[in-house]
């Protein structure tokens, strides 16, 4: 896939994800301009604050997961990834987060794999649940595992096929942009991605990244 084609997929995905909180901001401002009851105005302000917070958290996550965040260094502080995941999934109490990453830093490629696997697994928890993120070094390589557990898990079959590379590039839709990035980063480094969803209520996403 050409870089401009992937950029188009990614832009479509980002616009889709930001449409809801930004739209809520617009609706809240319209309601606030027509509302004169003090209690209702206070409620509108709460909704505006919540939507602004959600928009900011998504932008921070996307900047790290898809962009050039982390500066020019080869390694990125893993605490940034933890903060980004907590901001995206841990603010409303629907998803309980577990963090099992001991390394203080991680390569940019590995960090993007971790973040995007967490994004895919977190989105699959449609009714909430638990999201555990872990990594383990082996020599100069690293294994990344993300485990989602909940009463209802929905993983788009296309995402599964894209993650493991069983789909043509021309057939990839914008919703699979994160999965395609994970696949490409792993494949470019000689690694592989695994998806295990046979157990009801449990989804395991893993990536083995050599040195």
C-alpha atoms as a PDB file:
ATOM      1  CA  UNK A   1       0.000   0.000   0.000  1.00  0.00           C
ATOM      2  CA  UNK A   2       1.330   3.423  -0.944  1.00  0.00           C
ATOM      3  CA  UNK A   3       1.951   5.919   1.854  1.00  0.00           C
ATOM      4  CA  UNK A   4      -0.723   8.334   0.613  1.00  0.00           C
ATOM      5  CA  UNK A   5      -3.287   5.529   0.557  1.00  0.00           C
ATOM      6  CA  UNK A   6      -2.516   4.646   4.162  1.00  0.00           C
ATOM      7  CA  UNK A   7      -2.634   8.343   5.095  1.00  0.00           C
ATOM      8  CA  UNK A   8      -6.125   8.491   3.584  1.00  0.00           C
ATOM      9  CA  UNK A   9      -7.244   5.448   5.590  1.00  0.00           C
ATOM     10  CA  UNK A  10      -5.786   6.906   8.753  1.00  0.00           C
ATOM     11  CA  UNK A  11      -7.398  10.318   8.261  1.00  0.00           C
ATOM     12  CA  UNK A  12     -10.779   8.676   7.741  1.00  0.00           C
ATOM     13  CA  UNK A  13     -10.343   6.657  10.942  1.00  0.00           C
ATOM     14  CA  UNK A  14      -9.286   9.694  12.994  1.00  0.00           C
ATOM     15  CA  UNK A  15     -12.147  11.835  11.691  1.00  0.00           C
ATOM     16  CA  UNK A  16     -14.620   9.060  12.523  1.00  0.00           C
ATOM     17  CA  UNK A  17     -13.319   8.719  16.085  1.00  0.00           C
ATOM     18  CA  UNK A  18     -13.251  12.473  16.731  1.00  0.00           C
ATOM     19  CA  UNK A  19     -16.654  13.173  15.213  1.00  0.00           C
ATOM     20  CA  UNK A  20     -18.604  12.134  18.315  1.00  0.00           C
ATOM     21  CA  UNK A  21     -16.858  14.256  21.001  1.00  0.00           C
ATOM     22  CA  UNK A  22     -16.432  17.260  18.685  1.00  0.00           C
ATOM     23  CA  UNK A  23     -20.069  16.998  17.620  1.00  0.00           C
ATOM     24  CA  UNK A  24     -21.079  16.891  21.282  1.00  0.00           C
ATOM     25  CA  UNK A  25     -19.103  20.088  21.851  1.00  0.00           C
ATOM     26  CA  UNK A  26     -20.971  21.803  19.030  1.00  0.00           C
ATOM     27  CA  UNK A  27     -24.353  20.613  20.304  1.00  0.00           C
ATOM     28  CA  UNK A  28     -23.495  21.698  23.839  1.00  0.00           C
ATOM     29  CA  UNK A  29     -22.571  25.201  22.719  1.00  0.00           C
ATOM     30  CA  UNK A  30     -25.834  25.515  20.785  1.00  0.00           C
ATOM     31  CA  UNK A  31     -27.841  24.368  23.807  1.00  0.00           C
ATOM     32  CA  UNK A  32     -25.960  26.713  26.096  1.00  0.00           C
ATOM     33  CA  UNK A  33     -26.684  29.725  23.891  1.00  0.00           C
ATOM     34  CA  UNK A  34     -30.458  29.070  24.076  1.00  0.00           C
ATOM     35  CA  UNK A  35     -30.666  27.960  27.715  1.00  0.00           C
ATOM     36  CA  UNK A  36     -31.398  30.393  30.552  1.00  0.00           C
ATOM     37  CA  UNK A  37     -32.154  28.022  33.430  1.00  0.00           C
ATOM     38  CA  UNK A  38     -29.118  28.019  35.786  1.00  0.00           C
ATOM     39  CA  UNK A  39     -29.287  24.277  36.484  1.00  0.00           C
ATOM     40  CA  UNK A  40     -29.525  23.390  32.806  1.00  0.00           C
ATOM     41  CA  UNK A  41     -26.681  25.756  31.954  1.00  0.00           C
ATOM     42  CA  UNK A  42     -24.544  24.072  34.607  1.00  0.00           C
ATOM     43  CA  UNK A  43     -25.389  20.694  33.078  1.00  0.00           C
ATOM     44  CA  UNK A  44     -24.470  21.977  29.618  1.00  0.00           C
ATOM     45  CA  UNK A  45     -21.127  23.180  30.942  1.00  0.00           C
ATOM     46  CA  UNK A  46     -20.470  19.747  32.470  1.00  0.00           C
ATOM     47  CA  UNK A  47     -21.210  18.092  29.140  1.00  0.00           C
ATOM     48  CA  UNK A  48     -18.941  20.546  27.338  1.00  0.00           C
ATOM     49  CA  UNK A  49     -16.121  19.842  29.774  1.00  0.00           C
ATOM     50  CA  UNK A  50     -16.593  16.083  29.361  1.00  0.00           C
ATOM     51  CA  UNK A  51     -16.580  16.322  25.554  1.00  0.00           C
ATOM     52  CA  UNK A  52     -13.513  18.579  25.564  1.00  0.00           C
ATOM     53  CA  UNK A  53     -11.694  16.126  27.840  1.00  0.00           C
ATOM     54  CA  UNK A  54     -12.603  13.183  25.587  1.00  0.00           C
ATOM     55  CA  UNK A  55     -11.416  15.068  22.492  1.00  0.00           C
ATOM     56  CA  UNK A  56      -8.109  15.998  24.130  1.00  0.00           C
ATOM     57  CA  UNK A  57      -7.506  12.437  25.358  1.00  0.00           C
ATOM     58  CA  UNK A  58      -8.155  10.994  21.903  1.00  0.00           C
ATOM     59  CA  UNK A  59      -5.845  13.505  20.258  1.00  0.00           C
ATOM     60  CA  UNK A  60      -3.061  12.732  22.750  1.00  0.00           C
ATOM     61  CA  UNK A  61      -3.475   9.008  22.124  1.00  0.00           C
ATOM     62  CA  UNK A  62      -3.566   9.352  18.334  1.00  0.00           C
ATOM     63  CA  UNK A  63      -0.496  11.596  18.351  1.00  0.00           C
ATOM     64  CA  UNK A  64       1.495   8.898  20.133  1.00  0.00           C
ATOM     65  CA  UNK A  65      -0.050   5.887  18.367  1.00  0.00           C
ATOM     66  CA  UNK A  66       0.031   7.257  14.818  1.00  0.00           C
ATOM     67  CA  UNK A  67       2.167  10.385  14.807  1.00  0.00           C
ATOM     68  CA  UNK A  68       5.701  11.484  15.560  1.00  0.00           C
ATOM     69  CA  UNK A  69       5.285  12.013  19.302  1.00  0.00           C
ATOM     70  CA  UNK A  70       8.278  11.144  21.442  1.00  0.00           C
ATOM     71  CA  UNK A  71      10.785  13.458  19.779  1.00  0.00           C
ATOM     72  CA  UNK A  72      13.799  12.346  17.763  1.00  0.00           C
ATOM     73  CA  UNK A  73      15.132   9.741  20.198  1.00  0.00           C
ATOM     74  CA  UNK A  74      15.013   6.065  19.247  1.00  0.00           C
ATOM     75  CA  UNK A  75      13.387   5.118  22.570  1.00  0.00           C
ATOM     76  CA  UNK A  76      10.172   6.524  24.066  1.00  0.00           C
ATOM     77  CA  UNK A  77       9.166   6.608  27.737  1.00  0.00           C
ATOM     78  CA  UNK A  78       6.570   3.865  28.257  1.00  0.00           C
ATOM     79  CA  UNK A  79       4.836   6.033  30.865  1.00  0.00           C
ATOM     80  CA  UNK A  80       3.566   8.132  27.967  1.00  0.00           C
ATOM     81  CA  UNK A  81       1.828   5.063  26.553  1.00  0.00           C
ATOM     82  CA  UNK A  82       0.267   4.248  29.903  1.00  0.00           C
ATOM     83  CA  UNK A  83      -1.069   7.780  30.323  1.00  0.00           C
ATOM     84  CA  UNK A  84      -2.448   7.729  26.767  1.00  0.00           C
ATOM     85  CA  UNK A  85      -4.266   4.411  27.275  1.00  0.00           C
ATOM     86  CA  UNK A  86      -5.650   5.503  30.637  1.00  0.00           C
ATOM     87  CA  UNK A  87      -6.906   8.733  29.089  1.00  0.00           C
ATOM     88  CA  UNK A  88      -8.629   6.897  26.250  1.00  0.00           C
ATOM     89  CA  UNK A  89     -10.222   4.012  28.166  1.00  0.00           C
ATOM     90  CA  UNK A  90      -9.894   4.608  31.902  1.00  0.00           C
ATOM     91  CA  UNK A  91     -11.816   7.812  32.519  1.00  0.00           C
ATOM     92  CA  UNK A  92     -15.446   6.613  32.570  1.00  0.00           C
ATOM     93  CA  UNK A  93     -15.001   3.464  34.660  1.00  0.00           C
ATOM     94  CA  UNK A  94     -16.285   1.114  31.937  1.00  0.00           C
ATOM     95  CA  UNK A  95     -12.895  -0.502  31.452  1.00  0.00           C
ATOM     96  CA  UNK A  96     -10.496  -1.514  34.214  1.00  0.00           C
ATOM     97  CA  UNK A  97      -6.879  -1.219  33.117  1.00  0.00           C
ATOM     98  CA  UNK A  98      -3.927  -3.394  34.054  1.00  0.00           C
ATOM     99  CA  UNK A  99      -0.357  -2.327  33.231  1.00  0.00           C
ATOM    100  CA  UNK A 100       2.380  -4.974  33.137  1.00  0.00           C
ATOM    101  CA  UNK A 101       5.136  -3.169  31.266  1.00  0.00           C
ATOM    102  CA  UNK A 102       8.358  -3.029  33.274  1.00  0.00           C
ATOM    103  CA  UNK A 103      10.609  -1.470  30.641  1.00  0.00           C
ATOM    104  CA  UNK A 104      11.041   2.276  31.234  1.00  0.00           C
ATOM    105  CA  UNK A 105      11.524   2.870  27.502  1.00  0.00           C
ATOM    106  CA  UNK A 106      10.558   1.160  24.275  1.00  0.00           C
ATOM    107  CA  UNK A 107      11.371   1.704  20.619  1.00  0.00           C
ATOM    108  CA  UNK A 108       8.930   3.898  18.735  1.00  0.00           C
ATOM    109  CA  UNK A 109       7.843   0.991  16.560  1.00  0.00           C
ATOM    110  CA  UNK A 110       7.205  -1.291  19.541  1.00  0.00           C
ATOM    111  CA  UNK A 111       5.335   1.471  21.373  1.00  0.00           C
ATOM    112  CA  UNK A 112       3.071   2.063  18.380  1.00  0.00           C
ATOM    113  CA  UNK A 113       2.363  -1.667  18.166  1.00  0.00           C
ATOM    114  CA  UNK A 114       1.475  -1.722  21.864  1.00  0.00           C
ATOM    115  CA  UNK A 115      -0.794   1.326  21.617  1.00  0.00           C
ATOM    116  CA  UNK A 116      -2.626   0.159  18.525  1.00  0.00           C
ATOM    117  CA  UNK A 117      -3.180  -3.339  19.896  1.00  0.00           C
ATOM    118  CA  UNK A 118      -4.595  -1.713  23.038  1.00  0.00           C
ATOM    119  CA  UNK A 119      -6.847   0.461  20.854  1.00  0.00           C
ATOM    120  CA  UNK A 120      -8.194  -2.543  18.957  1.00  0.00           C
ATOM    121  CA  UNK A 121      -8.730  -4.628  22.115  1.00  0.00           C
ATOM    122  CA  UNK A 122     -10.318  -1.744  24.010  1.00  0.00           C
ATOM    123  CA  UNK A 123     -12.737  -1.029  21.174  1.00  0.00           C
ATOM    124  CA  UNK A 124     -13.721  -4.719  21.203  1.00  0.00           C
ATOM    125  CA  UNK A 125     -14.961  -4.376  24.811  1.00  0.00           C
ATOM    126  CA  UNK A 126     -18.348  -3.042  23.736  1.00  0.00           C
ATOM    127  CA  UNK A 127     -19.860  -3.480  27.223  1.00  0.00           C
ATOM    128  CA  UNK A 128     -16.714  -2.704  29.169  1.00  0.00           C
ATOM    129  CA  UNK A 129     -14.535  -5.102  31.094  1.00  0.00           C
ATOM    130  CA  UNK A 130     -10.823  -5.393  31.743  1.00  0.00           C
ATOM    131  CA  UNK A 131      -7.887  -4.486  29.517  1.00  0.00           C
ATOM    132  CA  UNK A 132      -4.410  -5.748  30.451  1.00  0.00           C
ATOM    133  CA  UNK A 133      -1.314  -4.534  28.620  1.00  0.00           C
ATOM    134  CA  UNK A 134       2.038  -6.260  29.067  1.00  0.00           C
ATOM    135  CA  UNK A 135       5.454  -6.718  27.498  1.00  0.00           C
ATOM    136  CA  UNK A 136       8.494  -8.916  28.030  1.00  0.00           C
ATOM    137  CA  UNK A 137      12.046  -8.576  26.759  1.00  0.00           C
ATOM    138  CA  UNK A 138      13.895 -11.542  25.291  1.00  0.00           C
ATOM    139  CA  UNK A 139      17.411 -10.579  24.361  1.00  0.00           C
ATOM    140  CA  UNK A 140      17.122  -7.534  22.143  1.00  0.00           C
ATOM    141  CA  UNK A 141      13.593  -8.421  21.066  1.00  0.00           C
ATOM    142  CA  UNK A 142      10.285  -7.815  22.791  1.00  0.00           C
ATOM    143  CA  UNK A 143       6.936  -9.592  23.081  1.00  0.00           C
ATOM    144  CA  UNK A 144       3.807  -7.481  23.512  1.00  0.00           C
ATOM    145  CA  UNK A 145       0.517  -8.921  24.765  1.00  0.00           C
ATOM    146  CA  UNK A 146      -2.848  -7.208  25.192  1.00  0.00           C
ATOM    147  CA  UNK A 147      -5.680  -9.116  26.868  1.00  0.00           C
ATOM    148  CA  UNK A 148      -9.299  -7.988  26.849  1.00  0.00           C
ATOM    149  CA  UNK A 149     -11.927  -9.678  29.003  1.00  0.00           C
ATOM    150  CA  UNK A 150     -15.584  -8.768  29.198  1.00  0.00           C
ATOM    151  CA  UNK A 151     -19.171  -9.985  28.970  1.00  0.00           C
ATOM    152  CA  UNK A 152     -19.305  -9.112  25.271  1.00  0.00           C
ATOM    153  CA  UNK A 153     -16.325  -8.850  22.941  1.00  0.00           C
ATOM    154  CA  UNK A 154     -16.773  -7.912  19.309  1.00  0.00           C
ATOM    155  CA  UNK A 155     -13.709  -8.036  17.060  1.00  0.00           C
ATOM    156  CA  UNK A 156     -14.379  -7.124  13.454  1.00  0.00           C
ATOM    157  CA  UNK A 157     -13.333 -10.162  11.360  1.00  0.00           C
ATOM    158  CA  UNK A 158     -11.580  -7.802   8.945  1.00  0.00           C
ATOM    159  CA  UNK A 159      -9.348  -6.485  11.720  1.00  0.00           C
ATOM    160  CA  UNK A 160      -8.303 -10.026  12.597  1.00  0.00           C
ATOM    161  CA  UNK A 161      -7.388 -10.777   8.998  1.00  0.00           C
ATOM    162  CA  UNK A 162      -5.478  -7.514   8.605  1.00  0.00           C
ATOM    163  CA  UNK A 163      -3.513  -8.064  11.816  1.00  0.00           C
ATOM    164  CA  UNK A 164      -2.216 -11.430  10.654  1.00  0.00           C
ATOM    165  CA  UNK A 165      -1.795 -10.333   7.025  1.00  0.00           C
ATOM    166  CA  UNK A 166      -4.514 -12.484   5.448  1.00  0.00           C
ATOM    167  CA  UNK A 167      -6.129  -9.767   3.331  1.00  0.00           C
ATOM    168  CA  UNK A 168      -5.183  -7.857   0.206  1.00  0.00           C
ATOM    169  CA  UNK A 169      -4.089  -4.260   0.666  1.00  0.00           C
ATOM    170  CA  UNK A 170      -6.762  -3.009  -1.736  1.00  0.00           C
ATOM    171  CA  UNK A 171      -9.544  -4.399   0.470  1.00  0.00           C
ATOM    172  CA  UNK A 172      -8.531  -2.612   3.686  1.00  0.00           C
ATOM    173  CA  UNK A 173     -11.145  -0.184   5.038  1.00  0.00           C
ATOM    174  CA  UNK A 174     -10.476   2.906   7.218  1.00  0.00           C
ATOM    175  CA  UNK A 175     -11.640   1.096  10.355  1.00  0.00           C
ATOM    176  CA  UNK A 176      -8.680  -1.277   9.906  1.00  0.00           C
ATOM    177  CA  UNK A 177      -6.006   1.451   9.770  1.00  0.00           C
ATOM    178  CA  UNK A 178      -4.681   0.634  13.253  1.00  0.00           C
ATOM    179  CA  UNK A 179      -4.549  -3.089  12.468  1.00  0.00           C
ATOM    180  CA  UNK A 180      -2.693  -2.445   9.215  1.00  0.00           C
ATOM    181  CA  UNK A 181      -0.133  -0.270  10.997  1.00  0.00           C
ATOM    182  CA  UNK A 182       0.488  -3.043  13.548  1.00  0.00           C
ATOM    183  CA  UNK A 183       0.909  -5.617  10.796  1.00  0.00           C
ATOM    184  CA  UNK A 184       3.311  -3.423   8.816  1.00  0.00           C
ATOM    185  CA  UNK A 185       5.458  -2.484  11.821  1.00  0.00           C
ATOM    186  CA  UNK A 186       5.731  -6.130  12.888  1.00  0.00           C
ATOM    187  CA  UNK A 187       6.402  -7.417   9.372  1.00  0.00           C
ATOM    188  CA  UNK A 188       9.000  -4.732   8.635  1.00  0.00           C
ATOM    189  CA  UNK A 189      10.935  -5.816  11.717  1.00  0.00           C
ATOM    190  CA  UNK A 190      10.715  -9.527  10.919  1.00  0.00           C
ATOM    191  CA  UNK A 191       8.101 -10.139  13.611  1.00  0.00           C
ATOM    192  CA  UNK A 192       4.581 -11.517  13.661  1.00  0.00           C
ATOM    193  CA  UNK A 193       1.155 -10.772  15.134  1.00  0.00           C
ATOM    194  CA  UNK A 194      -1.152 -13.321  16.722  1.00  0.00           C
ATOM    195  CA  UNK A 195      -4.869 -13.151  17.497  1.00  0.00           C
ATOM    196  CA  UNK A 196      -6.594 -15.585  19.870  1.00  0.00           C
ATOM    197  CA  UNK A 197     -10.342 -15.209  20.358  1.00  0.00           C
ATOM    198  CA  UNK A 198     -11.564 -18.783  20.747  1.00  0.00           C
ATOM    199  CA  UNK A 199     -12.335 -18.479  24.478  1.00  0.00           C
ATOM    200  CA  UNK A 200     -15.692 -16.755  25.116  1.00  0.00           C
ATOM    201  CA  UNK A 201     -15.310 -13.322  26.667  1.00  0.00           C
ATOM    202  CA  UNK A 202     -11.534 -13.204  26.157  1.00  0.00           C
ATOM    203  CA  UNK A 203      -9.449 -11.665  23.383  1.00  0.00           C
ATOM    204  CA  UNK A 204      -5.656 -11.983  23.217  1.00  0.00           C
ATOM    205  CA  UNK A 205      -3.590  -9.895  20.821  1.00  0.00           C
ATOM    206  CA  UNK A 206       0.166 -10.453  20.695  1.00  0.00           C
ATOM    207  CA  UNK A 207       3.163  -9.273  18.721  1.00  0.00           C
ATOM    208  CA  UNK A 208       6.649 -10.797  18.709  1.00  0.00           C
ATOM    209  CA  UNK A 209       9.172  -8.184  17.638  1.00  0.00           C
ATOM    210  CA  UNK A 210      12.803  -9.237  17.080  1.00  0.00           C
ATOM    211  CA  UNK A 211      15.684  -6.857  17.741  1.00  0.00           C
END
